[in-house]
ModelCIF file with pLDDT and N, C-alpha, C, O atoms, coordinates in Angstrom:
data_MODEL
#
_entry.id   MODEL 
#
_entity.id                         1 
_entity.type                       polymer 
_entity.pdbx_number_of_molecules   1 
#
_entity_poly.entity_id                      1 
_entity_poly.type                           'polypeptide(L)' 
_entity_poly.nstd_linkage                   no 
_entity_poly.nstd_monomer                   no 
_entity_poly.pdbx_seq_one_letter_code       IPRLELQAALTGIKQEKVIRRETNIEVAERYFWTDSIIVM 
_entity_poly.pdbx_seq_one_letter_code_can   IPRLELQAALTGIKQEKVIRRETNIEVAERYFWTDSIIVM 
_entity_poly.pdbx_strand_id                 A 
#
loop_
_entity_poly_seq.entity_id 
_entity_poly_seq.num 
_entity_poly_seq.mon_id 
_entity_poly_seq.hetero 
1 1  ILE n 
1 2  PRO n 
1 3  ARG n 
1 4  LEU n 
1 5  GLU n 
1 6  LEU n 
1 7  GLN n 
1 8  ALA n 
1 9  ALA n 
1 10 LEU n 
1 11 THR n 
1 12 GLY n 
1 13 ILE n 
1 14 LYS n 
1 15 GLN n 
1 16 GLU n 
1 17 LYS n 
1 18 VAL n 
1 19 ILE n 
1 20 ARG n 
1 21 ARG n 
1 22 GLU n 
1 23 THR n 
1 24 ASN n 
1 25 ILE n 
1 26 GLU n 
1 27 VAL n 
1 28 ALA n 
1 29 GLU n 
1 30 ARG n 
1 31 TYR n 
1 32 PHE n 
1 33 TRP n 
1 34 THR n 
1 35 ASP n 
1 36 SER n 
1 37 ILE n 
1 38 ILE n 
1 39 VAL n 
1 40 MET n 
#
_struct_asym.id          A 
_struct_asym.entity_id   1 
#
loop_
_ma_qa_metric.id 
_ma_qa_metric.mode 
_ma_qa_metric.name 
_ma_qa_metric.software_group_id 
_ma_qa_metric.type 
1 global pLDDT . pLDDT 
2 local  pLDDT . pLDDT 
#
_ma_qa_metric_global.metric_id      1 
_ma_qa_metric_global.metric_value   93.53 
_ma_qa_metric_global.model_id       1 
_ma_qa_metric_global.ordinal_id     1 
#
loop_
_ma_qa_metric_local.label_asym_id 
_ma_qa_metric_local.label_comp_id 
_ma_qa_metric_local.label_seq_id 
_ma_qa_metric_local.metric_id 
_ma_qa_metric_local.metric_value 
_ma_qa_metric_local.model_id 
_ma_qa_metric_local.ordinal_id 
A ILE 1  2 92.00 1 1  
A PRO 2  2 92.00 1 2  
A ARG 3  2 93.00 1 3  
A LEU 4  2 95.00 1 4  
A GLU 5  2 95.00 1 5  
A LEU 6  2 95.00 1 6  
A GLN 7  2 95.00 1 7  
A ALA 8  2 96.00 1 8  
A ALA 9  2 97.00 1 9  
A LEU 10 2 97.00 1 10 
A THR 11 2 97.00 1 11 
A GLY 12 2 97.00 1 12 
A ILE 13 2 97.00 1 13 
A LYS 14 2 97.00 1 14 
A GLN 15 2 96.00 1 15 
A GLU 16 2 95.00 1 16 
A LYS 17 2 95.00 1 17 
A VAL 18 2 95.00 1 18 
A ILE 19 2 94.00 1 19 
A ARG 20 2 91.00 1 20 
A ARG 21 2 91.00 1 21 
A GLU 22 2 90.00 1 22 
A THR 23 2 86.00 1 23 
A ASN 24 2 80.00 1 24 
A ILE 25 2 83.00 1 25 
A GLU 26 2 87.00 1 26 
A VAL 27 2 91.00 1 27 
A ALA 28 2 93.00 1 28 
A GLU 29 2 96.00 1 29 
A ARG 30 2 97.00 1 30 
A TYR 31 2 97.00 1 31 
A PHE 32 2 98.00 1 32 
A TRP 33 2 97.00 1 33 
A THR 34 2 96.00 1 34 
A ASP 35 2 94.00 1 35 
A SER 36 2 94.00 1 36 
A ILE 37 2 93.00 1 37 
A ILE 38 2 91.00 1 38 
A VAL 39 2 93.00 1 39 
A MET 40 2 93.00 1 40 
#
loop_
_atom_site.group_PDB 
_atom_site.id 
_atom_site.type_symbol 
_atom_site.label_atom_id 
_atom_site.label_alt_id 
_atom_site.label_comp_id 
_atom_site.label_asym_id 
_atom_site.label_entity_id 
_atom_site.label_seq_id 
_atom_site.pdbx_PDB_ins_code 
_atom_site.Cartn_x 
_atom_site.Cartn_y 
_atom_site.Cartn_z 
_atom_site.occupancy 
_atom_site.B_iso_or_equiv 
_atom_site.pdbx_formal_charge 
_atom_site.auth_seq_id 
_atom_site.auth_comp_id 
_atom_site.auth_asym_id 
_atom_site.auth_atom_id 
_atom_site.pdbx_PDB_model_num 
ATOM 1   N N  . ILE A 1 1  ? 2.960   65.606 27.427 1.00 92.00 ? 1  ILE A N  1 
ATOM 2   C CA . ILE A 1 1  ? 1.774   64.707 26.781 1.00 92.00 ? 1  ILE A CA 1 
ATOM 3   C C  . ILE A 1 1  ? 2.200   64.188 25.865 1.00 92.00 ? 1  ILE A C  1 
ATOM 4   O O  . ILE A 1 1  ? 1.335   63.897 25.038 1.00 92.00 ? 1  ILE A O  1 
ATOM 5   N N  . PRO A 1 2  ? 4.215   63.644 25.350 1.00 92.00 ? 2  PRO A N  1 
ATOM 6   C CA . PRO A 1 2  ? 4.370   62.103 25.322 1.00 92.00 ? 2  PRO A CA 1 
ATOM 7   C C  . PRO A 1 2  ? 4.197   61.122 26.611 1.00 92.00 ? 2  PRO A C  1 
ATOM 8   O O  . PRO A 1 2  ? 4.057   59.899 26.646 1.00 92.00 ? 2  PRO A O  1 
ATOM 9   N N  . ARG A 1 3  ? 4.246   61.953 27.511 1.00 93.00 ? 3  ARG A N  1 
ATOM 10  C CA . ARG A 1 3  ? 4.168   60.746 28.992 1.00 93.00 ? 3  ARG A CA 1 
ATOM 11  C C  . ARG A 1 3  ? 2.912   60.636 28.957 1.00 93.00 ? 3  ARG A C  1 
ATOM 12  O O  . ARG A 1 3  ? 2.591   59.450 29.025 1.00 93.00 ? 3  ARG A O  1 
ATOM 13  N N  . LEU A 1 4  ? 1.560   61.716 28.838 1.00 95.00 ? 4  LEU A N  1 
ATOM 14  C CA . LEU A 1 4  ? 0.274   61.294 28.760 1.00 95.00 ? 4  LEU A CA 1 
ATOM 15  C C  . LEU A 1 4  ? -0.450  60.516 27.809 1.00 95.00 ? 4  LEU A C  1 
ATOM 16  O O  . LEU A 1 4  ? -1.516  59.917 27.954 1.00 95.00 ? 4  LEU A O  1 
ATOM 17  N N  . GLU A 1 5  ? 0.470   60.643 26.575 1.00 95.00 ? 5  GLU A N  1 
ATOM 18  C CA . GLU A 1 5  ? 0.087   59.958 25.189 1.00 95.00 ? 5  GLU A CA 1 
ATOM 19  C C  . GLU A 1 5  ? 0.366   58.181 25.839 1.00 95.00 ? 5  GLU A C  1 
ATOM 20  O O  . GLU A 1 5  ? -0.610  57.432 25.894 1.00 95.00 ? 5  GLU A O  1 
ATOM 21  N N  . LEU A 1 6  ? 1.678   57.709 26.260 1.00 95.00 ? 6  LEU A N  1 
ATOM 22  C CA . LEU A 1 6  ? 2.239   56.659 26.821 1.00 95.00 ? 6  LEU A CA 1 
ATOM 23  C C  . LEU A 1 6  ? 1.456   55.976 27.829 1.00 95.00 ? 6  LEU A C  1 
ATOM 24  O O  . LEU A 1 6  ? 1.191   54.775 27.880 1.00 95.00 ? 6  LEU A O  1 
ATOM 25  N N  . GLN A 1 7  ? 1.093   56.986 28.697 1.00 95.00 ? 7  GLN A N  1 
ATOM 26  C CA . GLN A 1 7  ? -0.230  56.458 29.982 1.00 95.00 ? 7  GLN A CA 1 
ATOM 27  C C  . GLN A 1 7  ? -1.489  56.122 28.993 1.00 95.00 ? 7  GLN A C  1 
ATOM 28  O O  . GLN A 1 7  ? -2.147  55.256 29.571 1.00 95.00 ? 7  GLN A O  1 
ATOM 29  N N  . ALA A 1 8  ? -1.958  56.376 28.023 1.00 96.00 ? 8  ALA A N  1 
ATOM 30  C CA . ALA A 1 8  ? -3.009  56.346 27.260 1.00 96.00 ? 8  ALA A CA 1 
ATOM 31  C C  . ALA A 1 8  ? -2.394  55.048 26.641 1.00 96.00 ? 8  ALA A C  1 
ATOM 32  O O  . ALA A 1 8  ? -3.099  54.048 26.778 1.00 96.00 ? 8  ALA A O  1 
ATOM 33  N N  . ALA A 1 9  ? -1.365  54.906 26.072 1.00 97.00 ? 9  ALA A N  1 
ATOM 34  C CA . ALA A 1 9  ? -1.371  53.309 25.693 1.00 97.00 ? 9  ALA A CA 1 
ATOM 35  C C  . ALA A 1 9  ? -1.152  52.230 26.346 1.00 97.00 ? 9  ALA A C  1 
ATOM 36  O O  . ALA A 1 9  ? -1.406  51.068 26.029 1.00 97.00 ? 9  ALA A O  1 
ATOM 37  N N  . LEU A 1 10 ? -0.571  52.736 27.464 1.00 97.00 ? 10 LEU A N  1 
ATOM 38  C CA . LEU A 1 10 ? -0.999  51.461 28.313 1.00 97.00 ? 10 LEU A CA 1 
ATOM 39  C C  . LEU A 1 10 ? -2.126  51.042 29.237 1.00 97.00 ? 10 LEU A C  1 
ATOM 40  O O  . LEU A 1 10 ? -2.195  49.979 29.853 1.00 97.00 ? 10 LEU A O  1 
ATOM 41  N N  . THR A 1 11 ? -3.140  52.200 29.241 1.00 97.00 ? 11 THR A N  1 
ATOM 42  C CA . THR A 1 11 ? -4.836  52.091 29.510 1.00 97.00 ? 11 THR A CA 1 
ATOM 43  C C  . THR A 1 11 ? -5.402  50.905 28.178 1.00 97.00 ? 11 THR A C  1 
ATOM 44  O O  . THR A 1 11 ? -6.406  50.193 28.186 1.00 97.00 ? 11 THR A O  1 
ATOM 45  N N  . GLY A 1 12 ? -4.432  51.031 27.213 1.00 97.00 ? 12 GLY A N  1 
ATOM 46  C CA . GLY A 1 12 ? -5.662  50.535 26.060 1.00 97.00 ? 12 GLY A CA 1 
ATOM 47  C C  . GLY A 1 12 ? -5.158  49.268 26.407 1.00 97.00 ? 12 GLY A C  1 
ATOM 48  O O  . GLY A 1 12 ? -5.880  48.305 26.663 1.00 97.00 ? 12 GLY A O  1 
ATOM 49  N N  . ILE A 1 13 ? -3.477  49.250 26.423 1.00 97.00 ? 13 ILE A N  1 
ATOM 50  C CA . ILE A 1 13 ? -3.130  47.334 27.010 1.00 97.00 ? 13 ILE A CA 1 
ATOM 51  C C  . ILE A 1 13 ? -4.180  46.799 27.664 1.00 97.00 ? 13 ILE A C  1 
ATOM 52  O O  . ILE A 1 13 ? -5.064  46.031 27.283 1.00 97.00 ? 13 ILE A O  1 
ATOM 53  N N  . LYS A 1 14 ? -3.881  47.493 29.073 1.00 97.00 ? 14 LYS A N  1 
ATOM 54  C CA . LYS A 1 14 ? -5.013  46.975 30.097 1.00 97.00 ? 14 LYS A CA 1 
ATOM 55  C C  . LYS A 1 14 ? -6.180  46.414 29.740 1.00 97.00 ? 14 LYS A C  1 
ATOM 56  O O  . LYS A 1 14 ? -6.540  45.278 30.046 1.00 97.00 ? 14 LYS A O  1 
ATOM 57  N N  . GLN A 1 15 ? -6.885  47.342 28.978 1.00 96.00 ? 15 GLN A N  1 
ATOM 58  C CA . GLN A 1 15 ? -8.270  47.482 28.716 1.00 96.00 ? 15 GLN A CA 1 
ATOM 59  C C  . GLN A 1 15 ? -8.624  46.598 27.948 1.00 96.00 ? 15 GLN A C  1 
ATOM 60  O O  . GLN A 1 15 ? -9.682  45.983 28.087 1.00 96.00 ? 15 GLN A O  1 
ATOM 61  N N  . GLU A 1 16 ? -7.604  46.354 26.808 1.00 95.00 ? 16 GLU A N  1 
ATOM 62  C CA . GLU A 1 16 ? -7.664  45.149 25.689 1.00 95.00 ? 16 GLU A CA 1 
ATOM 63  C C  . GLU A 1 16 ? -7.719  43.729 26.749 1.00 95.00 ? 16 GLU A C  1 
ATOM 64  O O  . GLU A 1 16 ? -8.483  42.813 26.445 1.00 95.00 ? 16 GLU A O  1 
ATOM 65  N N  . LYS A 1 17 ? -7.048  43.653 27.720 1.00 95.00 ? 17 LYS A N  1 
ATOM 66  C CA . LYS A 1 17 ? -6.662  42.492 28.238 1.00 95.00 ? 17 LYS A CA 1 
ATOM 67  C C  . LYS A 1 17 ? -7.805  42.290 28.871 1.00 95.00 ? 17 LYS A C  1 
ATOM 68  O O  . LYS A 1 17 ? -8.240  41.141 28.940 1.00 95.00 ? 17 LYS A O  1 
ATOM 69  N N  . VAL A 1 18 ? -8.691  43.649 29.603 1.00 95.00 ? 18 VAL A N  1 
ATOM 70  C CA . VAL A 1 18 ? -9.731  43.120 30.408 1.00 95.00 ? 18 VAL A CA 1 
ATOM 71  C C  . VAL A 1 18 ? -10.577 42.304 29.454 1.00 95.00 ? 18 VAL A C  1 
ATOM 72  O O  . VAL A 1 18 ? -10.917 41.188 29.847 1.00 95.00 ? 18 VAL A O  1 
ATOM 73  N N  . ILE A 1 19 ? -11.101 42.850 27.828 1.00 94.00 ? 19 ILE A N  1 
ATOM 74  C CA . ILE A 1 19 ? -11.776 42.629 27.198 1.00 94.00 ? 19 ILE A CA 1 
ATOM 75  C C  . ILE A 1 19 ? -11.999 41.142 26.657 1.00 94.00 ? 19 ILE A C  1 
ATOM 76  O O  . ILE A 1 19 ? -13.108 40.613 26.735 1.00 94.00 ? 19 ILE A O  1 
ATOM 77  N N  . ARG A 1 20 ? -10.882 40.488 26.101 1.00 91.00 ? 20 ARG A N  1 
ATOM 78  C CA . ARG A 1 20 ? -10.177 39.289 25.754 1.00 91.00 ? 20 ARG A CA 1 
ATOM 79  C C  . ARG A 1 20 ? -10.393 38.501 27.009 1.00 91.00 ? 20 ARG A C  1 
ATOM 80  O O  . ARG A 1 20 ? -11.067 37.484 26.843 1.00 91.00 ? 20 ARG A O  1 
ATOM 81  N N  . ARG A 1 21 ? -10.018 38.713 28.099 1.00 91.00 ? 21 ARG A N  1 
ATOM 82  C CA . ARG A 1 21 ? -10.513 37.945 29.407 1.00 91.00 ? 21 ARG A CA 1 
ATOM 83  C C  . ARG A 1 21 ? -12.157 37.713 29.597 1.00 91.00 ? 21 ARG A C  1 
ATOM 84  O O  . ARG A 1 21 ? -12.611 36.569 29.615 1.00 91.00 ? 21 ARG A O  1 
ATOM 85  N N  . GLU A 1 22 ? -12.770 38.553 29.696 1.00 90.00 ? 22 GLU A N  1 
ATOM 86  C CA . GLU A 1 22 ? -14.197 38.736 29.871 1.00 90.00 ? 22 GLU A CA 1 
ATOM 87  C C  . GLU A 1 22 ? -14.960 38.164 29.271 1.00 90.00 ? 22 GLU A C  1 
ATOM 88  O O  . GLU A 1 22 ? -15.857 37.393 29.613 1.00 90.00 ? 22 GLU A O  1 
ATOM 89  N N  . THR A 1 23 ? -14.342 38.843 27.490 1.00 86.00 ? 23 THR A N  1 
ATOM 90  C CA . THR A 1 23 ? -15.966 38.234 26.552 1.00 86.00 ? 23 THR A CA 1 
ATOM 91  C C  . THR A 1 23 ? -15.739 36.985 26.005 1.00 86.00 ? 23 THR A C  1 
ATOM 92  O O  . THR A 1 23 ? -16.633 36.526 25.294 1.00 86.00 ? 23 THR A O  1 
ATOM 93  N N  . ASN A 1 24 ? -14.443 36.151 26.234 1.00 80.00 ? 24 ASN A N  1 
ATOM 94  C CA . ASN A 1 24 ? -13.651 34.792 25.429 1.00 80.00 ? 24 ASN A CA 1 
ATOM 95  C C  . ASN A 1 24 ? -13.515 35.314 23.737 1.00 80.00 ? 24 ASN A C  1 
ATOM 96  O O  . ASN A 1 24 ? -12.932 34.489 23.035 1.00 80.00 ? 24 ASN A O  1 
ATOM 97  N N  . ILE A 1 25 ? -13.839 36.184 23.246 1.00 83.00 ? 25 ILE A N  1 
ATOM 98  C CA . ILE A 1 25 ? -13.793 36.346 21.684 1.00 83.00 ? 25 ILE A CA 1 
ATOM 99  C C  . ILE A 1 25 ? -12.473 35.712 21.382 1.00 83.00 ? 25 ILE A C  1 
ATOM 100 O O  . ILE A 1 25 ? -11.351 35.877 21.860 1.00 83.00 ? 25 ILE A O  1 
ATOM 101 N N  . GLU A 1 26 ? -12.956 34.925 20.430 1.00 87.00 ? 26 GLU A N  1 
ATOM 102 C CA . GLU A 1 26 ? -11.325 34.338 19.615 1.00 87.00 ? 26 GLU A CA 1 
ATOM 103 C C  . GLU A 1 26 ? -11.459 35.744 18.785 1.00 87.00 ? 26 GLU A C  1 
ATOM 104 O O  . GLU A 1 26 ? -12.302 36.501 18.304 1.00 87.00 ? 26 GLU A O  1 
ATOM 105 N N  . VAL A 1 27 ? -9.887  35.552 18.967 1.00 91.00 ? 27 VAL A N  1 
ATOM 106 C CA . VAL A 1 27 ? -9.769  37.239 18.222 1.00 91.00 ? 27 VAL A CA 1 
ATOM 107 C C  . VAL A 1 27 ? -8.406  36.697 17.394 1.00 91.00 ? 27 VAL A C  1 
ATOM 108 O O  . VAL A 1 27 ? -7.427  36.249 17.992 1.00 91.00 ? 27 VAL A O  1 
ATOM 109 N N  . ALA A 1 28 ? -8.502  36.825 15.674 1.00 93.00 ? 28 ALA A N  1 
ATOM 110 C CA . ALA A 1 28 ? -7.448  36.467 15.126 1.00 93.00 ? 28 ALA A CA 1 
ATOM 111 C C  . ALA A 1 28 ? -6.341  37.480 15.015 1.00 93.00 ? 28 ALA A C  1 
ATOM 112 O O  . ALA A 1 28 ? -5.164  37.125 14.939 1.00 93.00 ? 28 ALA A O  1 
ATOM 113 N N  . GLU A 1 29 ? -6.786  38.980 15.003 1.00 96.00 ? 29 GLU A N  1 
ATOM 114 C CA . GLU A 1 29 ? -5.639  39.795 14.911 1.00 96.00 ? 29 GLU A CA 1 
ATOM 115 C C  . GLU A 1 29 ? -5.785  40.821 16.183 1.00 96.00 ? 29 GLU A C  1 
ATOM 116 O O  . GLU A 1 29 ? -6.817  40.850 16.854 1.00 96.00 ? 29 GLU A O  1 
ATOM 117 N N  . ARG A 1 30 ? -4.813  41.542 16.412 1.00 97.00 ? 30 ARG A N  1 
ATOM 118 C CA . ARG A 1 30 ? -5.043  42.761 17.388 1.00 97.00 ? 30 ARG A CA 1 
ATOM 119 C C  . ARG A 1 30 ? -4.775  43.886 17.008 1.00 97.00 ? 30 ARG A C  1 
ATOM 120 O O  . ARG A 1 30 ? -3.985  43.830 16.065 1.00 97.00 ? 30 ARG A O  1 
ATOM 121 N N  . TYR A 1 31 ? -5.065  44.963 17.301 1.00 97.00 ? 31 TYR A N  1 
ATOM 122 C CA . TYR A 1 31 ? -4.301  46.054 16.186 1.00 97.00 ? 31 TYR A CA 1 
ATOM 123 C C  . TYR A 1 31 ? -4.612  47.328 17.612 1.00 97.00 ? 31 TYR A C  1 
ATOM 124 O O  . TYR A 1 31 ? -5.627  47.446 18.299 1.00 97.00 ? 31 TYR A O  1 
ATOM 125 N N  . PHE A 1 32 ? -3.004  48.315 17.679 1.00 98.00 ? 32 PHE A N  1 
ATOM 126 C CA . PHE A 1 32 ? -3.346  49.302 18.448 1.00 98.00 ? 32 PHE A CA 1 
ATOM 127 C C  . PHE A 1 32 ? -2.922  50.436 17.856 1.00 98.00 ? 32 PHE A C  1 
ATOM 128 O O  . PHE A 1 32 ? -1.908  50.539 17.166 1.00 98.00 ? 32 PHE A O  1 
ATOM 129 N N  . TRP A 1 33 ? -4.047  51.681 18.243 1.00 97.00 ? 33 TRP A N  1 
ATOM 130 C CA . TRP A 1 33 ? -3.640  53.029 17.153 1.00 97.00 ? 33 TRP A CA 1 
ATOM 131 C C  . TRP A 1 33 ? -3.181  53.612 18.024 1.00 97.00 ? 33 TRP A C  1 
ATOM 132 O O  . TRP A 1 33 ? -3.298  53.036 19.106 1.00 97.00 ? 33 TRP A O  1 
ATOM 133 N N  . THR A 1 34 ? -2.532  54.831 18.047 1.00 96.00 ? 34 THR A N  1 
ATOM 134 C CA . THR A 1 34 ? -2.139  56.440 18.727 1.00 96.00 ? 34 THR A CA 1 
ATOM 135 C C  . THR A 1 34 ? -1.896  57.138 17.418 1.00 96.00 ? 34 THR A C  1 
ATOM 136 O O  . THR A 1 34 ? -1.588  56.654 16.329 1.00 96.00 ? 34 THR A O  1 
ATOM 137 N N  . ASP A 1 35 ? -2.128  58.518 17.812 1.00 94.00 ? 35 ASP A N  1 
ATOM 138 C CA . ASP A 1 35 ? -1.526  59.529 16.565 1.00 94.00 ? 35 ASP A CA 1 
ATOM 139 C C  . ASP A 1 35 ? -0.438  60.289 17.307 1.00 94.00 ? 35 ASP A C  1 
ATOM 140 O O  . ASP A 1 35 ? -0.049  61.442 17.115 1.00 94.00 ? 35 ASP A O  1 
ATOM 141 N N  . SER A 1 36 ? 0.041   59.223 18.361 1.00 94.00 ? 36 SER A N  1 
ATOM 142 C CA . SER A 1 36 ? 1.431   59.713 19.287 1.00 94.00 ? 36 SER A CA 1 
ATOM 143 C C  . SER A 1 36 ? 2.800   59.463 18.131 1.00 94.00 ? 36 SER A C  1 
ATOM 144 O O  . SER A 1 36 ? 3.046   58.289 18.409 1.00 94.00 ? 36 SER A O  1 
ATOM 145 N N  . ILE A 1 37 ? 3.375   59.673 17.509 1.00 93.00 ? 37 ILE A N  1 
ATOM 146 C CA . ILE A 1 37 ? 4.789   59.764 17.234 1.00 93.00 ? 37 ILE A CA 1 
ATOM 147 C C  . ILE A 1 37 ? 5.438   59.265 17.770 1.00 93.00 ? 37 ILE A C  1 
ATOM 148 O O  . ILE A 1 37 ? 5.922   58.214 17.350 1.00 93.00 ? 37 ILE A O  1 
ATOM 149 N N  . ILE A 1 38 ? 5.779   59.824 19.042 1.00 91.00 ? 38 ILE A N  1 
ATOM 150 C CA . ILE A 1 38 ? 6.456   59.930 20.069 1.00 91.00 ? 38 ILE A CA 1 
ATOM 151 C C  . ILE A 1 38 ? 6.523   58.520 20.587 1.00 91.00 ? 38 ILE A C  1 
ATOM 152 O O  . ILE A 1 38 ? 7.468   57.762 20.809 1.00 91.00 ? 38 ILE A O  1 
ATOM 153 N N  . VAL A 1 39 ? 4.943   58.387 20.736 1.00 93.00 ? 39 VAL A N  1 
ATOM 154 C CA . VAL A 1 39 ? 5.028   56.519 21.217 1.00 93.00 ? 39 VAL A CA 1 
ATOM 155 C C  . VAL A 1 39 ? 5.289   55.454 20.397 1.00 93.00 ? 39 VAL A C  1 
ATOM 156 O O  . VAL A 1 39 ? 5.740   54.335 20.644 1.00 93.00 ? 39 VAL A O  1 
ATOM 157 N N  . MET A 1 40 ? 4.931   55.984 19.374 1.00 93.00 ? 40 MET A N  1 
ATOM 158 C CA . MET A 1 40 ? 5.515   54.895 18.314 1.00 93.00 ? 40 MET A CA 1 
ATOM 159 C C  . MET A 1 40 ? 6.407   54.554 18.337 1.00 93.00 ? 40 MET A C  1 
ATOM 160 O O  . MET A 1 40 ? 6.776   53.731 17.500 1.00 93.00 ? 40 MET A O  1 
#
């Protein structure tokens, strides 16, 4: 489960990169959230 949670976190990073590239939204701050203490 910790490795899967880490894979989900990496997927979140990649997804957020795609959104910023494709939408050109000027973002003031970026936040990432997980319920995994181990990933944190």
